[in-house]
Amino acid sequence: MIRYFLLLIILFSFTQAQAQLFSKEKVQQSVDIDNKRWSWGYFLGFNTYDFNFKYDEYDPSPRTGREVGIQRNIGFNVGLLGNLKLHKNLDLRLQPGVNFASRGFYFPLGNGVNEENRYREINSTYIHVPLLLKINTNRLNNFRPFIIGGVSYSANLSSNEDKADDNYDGQFRMTTNNYNWEIGFGIDFYLYYFKFTPSIRGVFGFNDELVRDDTPNSQFTGNIDKMTTRAIFLNFTFQ
């Protein structure tokens, strides 16, 4: 149901952009909103988190496949926006928020990993703080496309990094402090009272987030050389 809702929102956004592009109507709304040096807002949105894995080339463990399986679920984002106008077509923005994410994690079978102990459910709460550069086109009637990119810090409040239990006890552990780069695009729609902005961003982690098991050459984490976050954010900003 959520996927159909997201599809309708995206189709609505591009339909409105097309209507503005070819419309003869020249009356502009929220004319002064982009003239402010500082502006504020908030956002709501959805996310889907994934992992990118690199594996140990010399892992000798007998397994039915090396790759870890991920079950992707849809999560929720909420946060605030602070925007600094640098130039007519350039903004610097800080967009701190809280992301609620859920993933399913399947270890590869073999070497003591069976159907009973291979699955982990990972529910994460992130304090996510991106610093982004927004490059805008010139405004056309009441819409303006843009691209956006930058870096971000994420604090995983559900990382279990300091827990003594590991995967032998059914506990999956990740690092608390994580760093990412982000890139995306969106469209500003100028409405009568405010600016509405749907946008989509890809998030790609820098650092290894896996906290390995205490047992050397663990059957669960021994073959993983590096694990980093990948995510897609679909946000709706009100400014």
C-alpha atoms as a PDB file:
ATOM      1  CA  MET A   1       0.000   0.000   0.000  1.00  0.00           C
ATOM      2  CA  ILE A   2       2.834   2.419   0.902  1.00  0.00           C
ATOM      3  CA  ARG A   3       4.587   1.732  -2.411  1.00  0.00           C
ATOM      4  CA  TYR A   4       1.466   2.692  -4.360  1.00  0.00           C
ATOM      5  CA  PHE A   5       1.138   5.853  -2.260  1.00  0.00           C
ATOM      6  CA  LEU A   6       4.754   6.827  -2.993  1.00  0.00           C
ATOM      7  CA  LEU A   7       4.229   6.198  -6.691  1.00  0.00           C
ATOM      8  CA  LEU A   8       1.170   8.456  -6.704  1.00  0.00           C
ATOM      9  CA  ILE A   9       3.130  11.238  -4.969  1.00  0.00           C
ATOM     10  CA  ILE A  10       5.940  11.016  -7.536  1.00  0.00           C
ATOM     11  CA  LEU A  11       3.511  10.997 -10.453  1.00  0.00           C
ATOM     12  CA  PHE A  12       1.665  13.986  -8.984  1.00  0.00           C
ATOM     13  CA  SER A  13       4.925  15.928  -8.588  1.00  0.00           C
ATOM     14  CA  PHE A  14       6.051  15.399 -12.156  1.00  0.00           C
ATOM     15  CA  THR A  15       2.546  16.051 -13.504  1.00  0.00           C
ATOM     16  CA  GLN A  16       2.509  19.390 -11.712  1.00  0.00           C
ATOM     17  CA  ALA A  17       5.977  20.213 -13.024  1.00  0.00           C
ATOM     18  CA  GLN A  18       4.909  19.428 -16.580  1.00  0.00           C
ATOM     19  CA  ALA A  19       1.756  21.527 -16.175  1.00  0.00           C
ATOM     20  CA  GLN A  20       3.803  24.479 -14.938  1.00  0.00           C
ATOM     21  CA  LEU A  21       6.284  24.108 -17.761  1.00  0.00           C
ATOM     22  CA  PHE A  22       3.738  24.275 -20.556  1.00  0.00           C
ATOM     23  CA  SER A  23       1.171  26.519 -18.911  1.00  0.00           C
ATOM     24  CA  LYS A  24       0.746  30.097 -20.126  1.00  0.00           C
ATOM     25  CA  GLU A  25      -0.113  31.146 -16.552  1.00  0.00           C
ATOM     26  CA  LYS A  26       2.647  33.446 -15.283  1.00  0.00           C
ATOM     27  CA  VAL A  27       1.309  34.378 -11.830  1.00  0.00           C
ATOM     28  CA  GLN A  28       3.996  33.428  -9.318  1.00  0.00           C
ATOM     29  CA  GLN A  29       3.258  32.339  -5.757  1.00  0.00           C
ATOM     30  CA  SER A  30       5.480  32.774  -2.673  1.00  0.00           C
ATOM     31  CA  VAL A  31       7.546  35.309  -4.590  1.00  0.00           C
ATOM     32  CA  ASP A  32       9.744  36.416  -1.672  1.00  0.00           C
ATOM     33  CA  ILE A  33      10.409  33.021  -0.137  1.00  0.00           C
ATOM     34  CA  ASP A  34      13.783  32.587  -1.908  1.00  0.00           C
ATOM     35  CA  ASN A  35      14.970  36.114  -1.079  1.00  0.00           C
ATOM     36  CA  LYS A  36      15.560  35.301   2.590  1.00  0.00           C
ATOM     37  CA  ARG A  37      19.152  34.592   3.559  1.00  0.00           C
ATOM     38  CA  TRP A  38      18.005  32.115   6.226  1.00  0.00           C
ATOM     39  CA  SER A  39      14.920  29.937   5.969  1.00  0.00           C
ATOM     40  CA  TRP A  40      13.500  27.074   8.005  1.00  0.00           C
ATOM     41  CA  GLY A  41      11.220  24.114   7.562  1.00  0.00           C
ATOM     42  CA  TYR A  42      10.551  20.502   8.383  1.00  0.00           C
ATOM     43  CA  PHE A  43      10.293  17.241   6.486  1.00  0.00           C
ATOM     44  CA  LEU A  44       8.527  13.884   6.571  1.00  0.00           C
ATOM     45  CA  GLY A  45       9.467  10.923   4.456  1.00  0.00           C
ATOM     46  CA  PHE A  46      10.230   7.273   3.895  1.00  0.00           C
ATOM     47  CA  ASN A  47      13.397   5.224   3.688  1.00  0.00           C
ATOM     48  CA  THR A  48      14.651   1.823   2.703  1.00  0.00           C
ATOM     49  CA  TYR A  49      17.987   0.685   4.129  1.00  0.00           C
ATOM     50  CA  ASP A  50      20.360  -1.914   2.712  1.00  0.00           C
ATOM     51  CA  PHE A  51      23.971  -3.071   3.218  1.00  0.00           C
ATOM     52  CA  ASN A  52      26.871  -3.291   0.799  1.00  0.00           C
ATOM     53  CA  PHE A  53      29.277  -6.153   1.568  1.00  0.00           C
ATOM     54  CA  LYS A  54      32.859  -6.945   0.678  1.00  0.00           C
ATOM     55  CA  TYR A  55      33.950 -10.499   1.452  1.00  0.00           C
ATOM     56  CA  ASP A  56      37.219 -12.051   2.545  1.00  0.00           C
ATOM     57  CA  GLU A  57      38.736 -13.622  -0.572  1.00  0.00           C
ATOM     58  CA  TYR A  58      40.582 -16.205   1.517  1.00  0.00           C
ATOM     59  CA  ASP A  59      37.667 -17.402   3.627  1.00  0.00           C
ATOM     60  CA  PRO A  60      37.922 -21.239   3.565  1.00  0.00           C
ATOM     61  CA  SER A  61      34.534 -21.912   5.188  1.00  0.00           C
ATOM     62  CA  PRO A  62      32.269 -24.366   3.333  1.00  0.00           C
ATOM     63  CA  ARG A  63      29.084 -22.438   2.565  1.00  0.00           C
ATOM     64  CA  THR A  64      26.186 -22.663   0.137  1.00  0.00           C
ATOM     65  CA  GLY A  65      26.973 -19.214  -1.266  1.00  0.00           C
ATOM     66  CA  ARG A  66      29.009 -16.376   0.263  1.00  0.00           C
ATOM     67  CA  GLU A  67      26.568 -13.506   0.048  1.00  0.00           C
ATOM     68  CA  VAL A  68      24.511 -12.315   2.993  1.00  0.00           C
ATOM     69  CA  GLY A  69      20.837 -11.847   2.147  1.00  0.00           C
ATOM     70  CA  ILE A  70      18.981  -8.669   3.059  1.00  0.00           C
ATOM     71  CA  GLN A  71      15.223  -8.244   3.408  1.00  0.00           C
ATOM     72  CA  ARG A  72      14.478  -4.563   2.751  1.00  0.00           C
ATOM     73  CA  ASN A  73      11.594  -2.881   4.512  1.00  0.00           C
ATOM     74  CA  ILE A  74      10.171   0.644   4.369  1.00  0.00           C
ATOM     75  CA  GLY A  75      10.956   2.975   7.273  1.00  0.00           C
ATOM     76  CA  PHE A  76      10.046   6.515   8.273  1.00  0.00           C
ATOM     77  CA  ASN A  77      11.956   9.843   8.433  1.00  0.00           C
ATOM     78  CA  VAL A  78      11.126  13.043  10.288  1.00  0.00           C
ATOM     79  CA  GLY A  79      13.223  16.138  10.948  1.00  0.00           C
ATOM     80  CA  LEU A  80      13.975  19.834  10.604  1.00  0.00           C
ATOM     81  CA  LEU A  81      15.574  21.985   7.909  1.00  0.00           C
ATOM     82  CA  GLY A  82      17.861  25.002   8.112  1.00  0.00           C
ATOM     83  CA  ASN A  83      18.735  26.641   4.789  1.00  0.00           C
ATOM     84  CA  LEU A  84      21.393  29.280   4.076  1.00  0.00           C
ATOM     85  CA  LYS A  85      21.180  31.077   0.723  1.00  0.00           C
ATOM     86  CA  LEU A  86      24.685  31.436  -0.732  1.00  0.00           C
ATOM     87  CA  HIS A  87      23.722  32.534  -4.225  1.00  0.00           C
ATOM     88  CA  LYS A  88      20.664  32.797  -6.435  1.00  0.00           C
ATOM     89  CA  ASN A  89      21.164  29.183  -7.497  1.00  0.00           C
ATOM     90  CA  LEU A  90      23.082  27.782  -4.540  1.00  0.00           C
ATOM     91  CA  ASP A  91      22.013  26.876  -0.977  1.00  0.00           C
ATOM     92  CA  LEU A  92      23.719  25.237   1.965  1.00  0.00           C
ATOM     93  CA  ARG A  93      21.402  23.266   4.182  1.00  0.00           C
ATOM     94  CA  LEU A  94      21.517  21.334   7.429  1.00  0.00           C
ATOM     95  CA  GLN A  95      18.785  18.735   7.699  1.00  0.00           C
ATOM     96  CA  PRO A  96      18.907  16.869  11.050  1.00  0.00           C
ATOM     97  CA  GLY A  97      16.339  14.178  11.609  1.00  0.00           C
ATOM     98  CA  VAL A  98      15.416  10.820  13.066  1.00  0.00           C
ATOM     99  CA  ASN A  99      15.178   7.777  10.804  1.00  0.00           C
ATOM    100  CA  PHE A 100      13.396   4.580  11.816  1.00  0.00           C
ATOM    101  CA  ALA A 101      14.596   1.645   9.719  1.00  0.00           C
ATOM    102  CA  SER A 102      14.021  -2.112   9.615  1.00  0.00           C
ATOM    103  CA  ARG A 103      15.943  -4.851   7.807  1.00  0.00           C
ATOM    104  CA  GLY A 104      16.083  -8.620   7.752  1.00  0.00           C
ATOM    105  CA  PHE A 105      19.540 -10.219   7.675  1.00  0.00           C
ATOM    106  CA  TYR A 106      20.249 -13.773   6.412  1.00  0.00           C
ATOM    107  CA  PHE A 107      23.683 -15.341   6.971  1.00  0.00           C
ATOM    108  CA  PRO A 108      24.837 -17.822   4.289  1.00  0.00           C
ATOM    109  CA  LEU A 109      24.186 -21.448   5.189  1.00  0.00           C
ATOM    110  CA  GLY A 110      27.017 -23.823   6.063  1.00  0.00           C
ATOM    111  CA  ASN A 111      29.839 -24.133   8.613  1.00  0.00           C
ATOM    112  CA  GLY A 112      27.386 -24.365  11.512  1.00  0.00           C
ATOM    113  CA  VAL A 113      24.895 -21.778  10.191  1.00  0.00           C
ATOM    114  CA  ASN A 114      21.499 -23.417   9.656  1.00  0.00           C
ATOM    115  CA  GLU A 115      17.934 -22.324   9.041  1.00  0.00           C
ATOM    116  CA  GLU A 116      17.302 -21.914  12.768  1.00  0.00           C
ATOM    117  CA  ASN A 117      20.108 -19.469  13.499  1.00  0.00           C
ATOM    118  CA  ARG A 118      20.746 -17.684  10.189  1.00  0.00           C
ATOM    119  CA  TYR A 119      18.139 -14.882  10.459  1.00  0.00           C
ATOM    120  CA  ARG A 120      18.456 -11.591  12.361  1.00  0.00           C
ATOM    121  CA  GLU A 121      15.833  -8.837  12.477  1.00  0.00           C
ATOM    122  CA  ILE A 122      17.543  -5.427  12.634  1.00  0.00           C
ATOM    123  CA  ASN A 123      15.418  -2.518  13.846  1.00  0.00           C
ATOM    124  CA  SER A 124      17.458   0.700  13.871  1.00  0.00           C
ATOM    125  CA  THR A 125      16.868   4.252  15.029  1.00  0.00           C
ATOM    126  CA  TYR A 126      19.281   6.779  13.526  1.00  0.00           C
ATOM    127  CA  ILE A 127      20.015  10.369  14.446  1.00  0.00           C
ATOM    128  CA  HIS A 128      20.888  11.508  10.935  1.00  0.00           C
ATOM    129  CA  VAL A 129      22.613  14.858  10.322  1.00  0.00           C
ATOM    130  CA  PRO A 130      23.420  15.726   6.671  1.00  0.00           C
ATOM    131  CA  LEU A 131      25.197  18.868   5.469  1.00  0.00           C
ATOM    132  CA  LEU A 132      24.121  19.349   1.853  1.00  0.00           C
ATOM    133  CA  LEU A 133      24.808  21.671  -1.074  1.00  0.00           C
ATOM    134  CA  LYS A 134      21.682  22.380  -3.148  1.00  0.00           C
ATOM    135  CA  ILE A 135      22.179  23.539  -6.749  1.00  0.00           C
ATOM    136  CA  ASN A 136      19.006  25.062  -8.214  1.00  0.00           C
ATOM    137  CA  THR A 137      17.916  25.869 -11.726  1.00  0.00           C
ATOM    138  CA  ASN A 138      16.235  29.221 -12.404  1.00  0.00           C
ATOM    139  CA  ARG A 139      12.629  29.362 -11.282  1.00  0.00           C
ATOM    140  CA  LEU A 140      10.051  28.671 -13.999  1.00  0.00           C
ATOM    141  CA  ASN A 141       6.541  29.789 -13.053  1.00  0.00           C
ATOM    142  CA  ASN A 142       5.951  28.017  -9.734  1.00  0.00           C
ATOM    143  CA  PHE A 143       8.480  25.207  -9.748  1.00  0.00           C
ATOM    144  CA  ARG A 144      12.252  24.798  -9.729  1.00  0.00           C
ATOM    145  CA  PRO A 145      14.227  21.518 -10.078  1.00  0.00           C
ATOM    146  CA  PHE A 146      17.503  21.006  -8.246  1.00  0.00           C
ATOM    147  CA  ILE A 147      20.251  18.527  -7.484  1.00  0.00           C
ATOM    148  CA  ILE A 148      21.641  18.056  -4.004  1.00  0.00           C
ATOM    149  CA  GLY A 149      24.610  16.312  -2.433  1.00  0.00           C
ATOM    150  CA  GLY A 150      26.950  16.310   0.522  1.00  0.00           C
ATOM    151  CA  VAL A 151      28.071  14.347   3.579  1.00  0.00           C
ATOM    152  CA  SER A 152      26.267  13.128   6.676  1.00  0.00           C
ATOM    153  CA  TYR A 153      26.772  11.662  10.126  1.00  0.00           C
ATOM    154  CA  SER A 154      24.495   8.959  11.545  1.00  0.00           C
ATOM    155  CA  ALA A 155      24.329   7.819  15.165  1.00  0.00           C
ATOM    156  CA  ASN A 156      22.777   4.363  15.347  1.00  0.00           C
ATOM    157  CA  LEU A 157      20.963   4.319  18.691  1.00  0.00           C
ATOM    158  CA  SER A 158      20.164   0.614  18.253  1.00  0.00           C
ATOM    159  CA  SER A 159      23.658  -0.528  17.260  1.00  0.00           C
ATOM    160  CA  ASN A 160      24.263  -2.896  20.231  1.00  0.00           C
ATOM    161  CA  GLU A 161      27.958  -2.075  19.815  1.00  0.00           C
ATOM    162  CA  ASP A 162      28.715  -2.346  23.542  1.00  0.00           C
ATOM    163  CA  LYS A 163      26.707  -5.516  24.144  1.00  0.00           C
ATOM    164  CA  ALA A 164      28.656  -8.543  25.359  1.00  0.00           C
ATOM    165  CA  ASP A 165      26.431 -10.952  23.399  1.00  0.00           C
ATOM    166  CA  ASP A 166      27.234 -11.619  19.740  1.00  0.00           C
ATOM    167  CA  ASN A 167      25.746 -13.710  16.933  1.00  0.00           C
ATOM    168  CA  TYR A 168      26.354 -16.936  18.870  1.00  0.00           C
ATOM    169  CA  ASP A 169      23.780 -15.546  21.307  1.00  0.00           C
ATOM    170  CA  GLY A 170      21.497 -14.307  18.532  1.00  0.00           C
ATOM    171  CA  GLN A 171      22.689 -10.684  18.829  1.00  0.00           C
ATOM    172  CA  PHE A 172      23.777  -8.746  15.731  1.00  0.00           C
ATOM    173  CA  ARG A 173      26.068  -5.768  16.463  1.00  0.00           C
ATOM    174  CA  MET A 174      26.936  -2.655  14.448  1.00  0.00           C
ATOM    175  CA  THR A 175      28.961   0.491  15.079  1.00  0.00           C
ATOM    176  CA  THR A 176      27.207   3.476  16.625  1.00  0.00           C
ATOM    177  CA  ASN A 177      28.989   6.287  14.733  1.00  0.00           C
ATOM    178  CA  ASN A 178      28.762   6.196  10.946  1.00  0.00           C
ATOM    179  CA  TYR A 179      29.631   8.533   8.064  1.00  0.00           C
ATOM    180  CA  ASN A 180      28.088   8.789   4.602  1.00  0.00           C
ATOM    181  CA  TRP A 181      27.978  10.720   1.371  1.00  0.00           C
ATOM    182  CA  GLU A 182      24.663  11.555  -0.275  1.00  0.00           C
ATOM    183  CA  ILE A 183      23.379  12.627  -3.671  1.00  0.00           C
ATOM    184  CA  GLY A 184      19.902  13.226  -5.049  1.00  0.00           C
ATOM    185  CA  PHE A 185      17.447  15.496  -6.828  1.00  0.00           C
ATOM    186  CA  GLY A 186      14.058  17.099  -6.312  1.00  0.00           C
ATOM    187  CA  ILE A 187      11.614  19.819  -7.314  1.00  0.00           C
ATOM    188  CA  ASP A 188      10.539  22.924  -5.373  1.00  0.00           C
ATOM    189  CA  PHE A 189       6.829  23.719  -5.809  1.00  0.00           C
ATOM    190  CA  TYR A 190       5.810  27.257  -4.843  1.00  0.00           C
ATOM    191  CA  LEU A 191       2.350  27.162  -3.291  1.00  0.00           C
ATOM    192  CA  TYR A 192       0.297  30.083  -2.011  1.00  0.00           C
ATOM    193  CA  TYR A 193       1.527  29.976   1.604  1.00  0.00           C
ATOM    194  CA  PHE A 194       4.650  27.823   1.534  1.00  0.00           C
ATOM    195  CA  LYS A 195       7.128  25.866  -0.598  1.00  0.00           C
ATOM    196  CA  PHE A 196       6.592  22.109  -0.963  1.00  0.00           C
ATOM    197  CA  THR A 197       9.547  19.965  -2.025  1.00  0.00           C
ATOM    198  CA  PRO A 198       9.566  16.241  -2.842  1.00  0.00           C
ATOM    199  CA  SER A 199      13.090  14.872  -3.188  1.00  0.00           C
ATOM    200  CA  ILE A 200      14.904  11.554  -3.418  1.00  0.00           C
ATOM    201  CA  ARG A 201      18.455  10.865  -2.177  1.00  0.00           C
ATOM    202  CA  GLY A 202      20.836   7.960  -2.199  1.00  0.00           C
ATOM    203  CA  VAL A 203      22.954   7.454   0.939  1.00  0.00           C
ATOM    204  CA  PHE A 204      26.272   5.564   0.821  1.00  0.00           C
ATOM    205  CA  GLY A 205      28.338   4.728   3.910  1.00  0.00           C
ATOM    206  CA  PHE A 206      32.100   5.304   4.239  1.00  0.00           C
ATOM    207  CA  ASN A 207      33.062   3.239   7.267  1.00  0.00           C
ATOM    208  CA  ASP A 208      32.857  -0.439   8.140  1.00  0.00           C
ATOM    209  CA  GLU A 209      29.772  -0.801  10.378  1.00  0.00           C
ATOM    210  CA  LEU A 210      30.103  -4.461  11.343  1.00  0.00           C
ATOM    211  CA  VAL A 211      31.101  -5.327  14.910  1.00  0.00           C
ATOM    212  CA  ARG A 212      32.520  -8.809  14.541  1.00  0.00           C
ATOM    213  CA  ASP A 213      31.904 -11.725  16.840  1.00  0.00           C
ATOM    214  CA  ASP A 214      34.306 -12.315  19.713  1.00  0.00           C
ATOM    215  CA  THR A 215      35.132 -15.781  18.365  1.00  0.00           C
ATOM    216  CA  PRO A 216      38.020 -15.683  15.836  1.00  0.00           C
ATOM    217  CA  ASN A 217      36.942 -16.811  12.335  1.00  0.00           C
ATOM    218  CA  SER A 218      33.296 -16.694  13.390  1.00  0.00           C
ATOM    219  CA  GLN A 219      30.957 -18.738  11.237  1.00  0.00           C
ATOM    220  CA  PHE A 220      28.681 -15.672  11.092  1.00  0.00           C
ATOM    221  CA  THR A 221      31.022 -12.747  10.458  1.00  0.00           C
ATOM    222  CA  GLY A 222      34.368 -14.355   9.589  1.00  0.00           C
ATOM    223  CA  ASN A 223      33.909 -14.076   5.823  1.00  0.00           C
ATOM    224  CA  ILE A 224      32.815 -10.386   5.833  1.00  0.00           C
ATOM    225  CA  ASP A 225      35.654  -7.967   5.111  1.00  0.00           C
ATOM    226  CA  LYS A 226      33.541  -4.775   5.159  1.00  0.00           C
ATOM    227  CA  MET A 227      29.896  -3.816   5.624  1.00  0.00           C
ATOM    228  CA  THR A 228      28.596  -0.344   4.751  1.00  0.00           C
ATOM    229  CA  THR A 229      25.149   1.232   4.634  1.00  0.00           C
ATOM    230  CA  ARG A 230      23.185   1.930   1.476  1.00  0.00           C
ATOM    231  CA  ALA A 231      19.829   3.672   1.674  1.00  0.00           C
ATOM    232  CA  ILE A 232      17.249   5.578  -0.339  1.00  0.00           C
ATOM    233  CA  PHE A 233      15.349   8.495   1.212  1.00  0.00           C
ATOM    234  CA  LEU A 234      12.133   9.921  -0.200  1.00  0.00           C
ATOM    235  CA  ASN A 235      11.405  13.148   1.712  1.00  0.00           C
ATOM    236  CA  PHE A 236       8.662  15.768   1.536  1.00  0.00           C
ATOM    237  CA  THR A 237       9.795  19.166   2.819  1.00  0.00           C
ATOM    238  CA  PHE A 238       7.583  22.093   3.900  1.00  0.00           C
ATOM    239  CA  GLN A 239       9.369  25.432   3.991  1.00  0.00           C
END
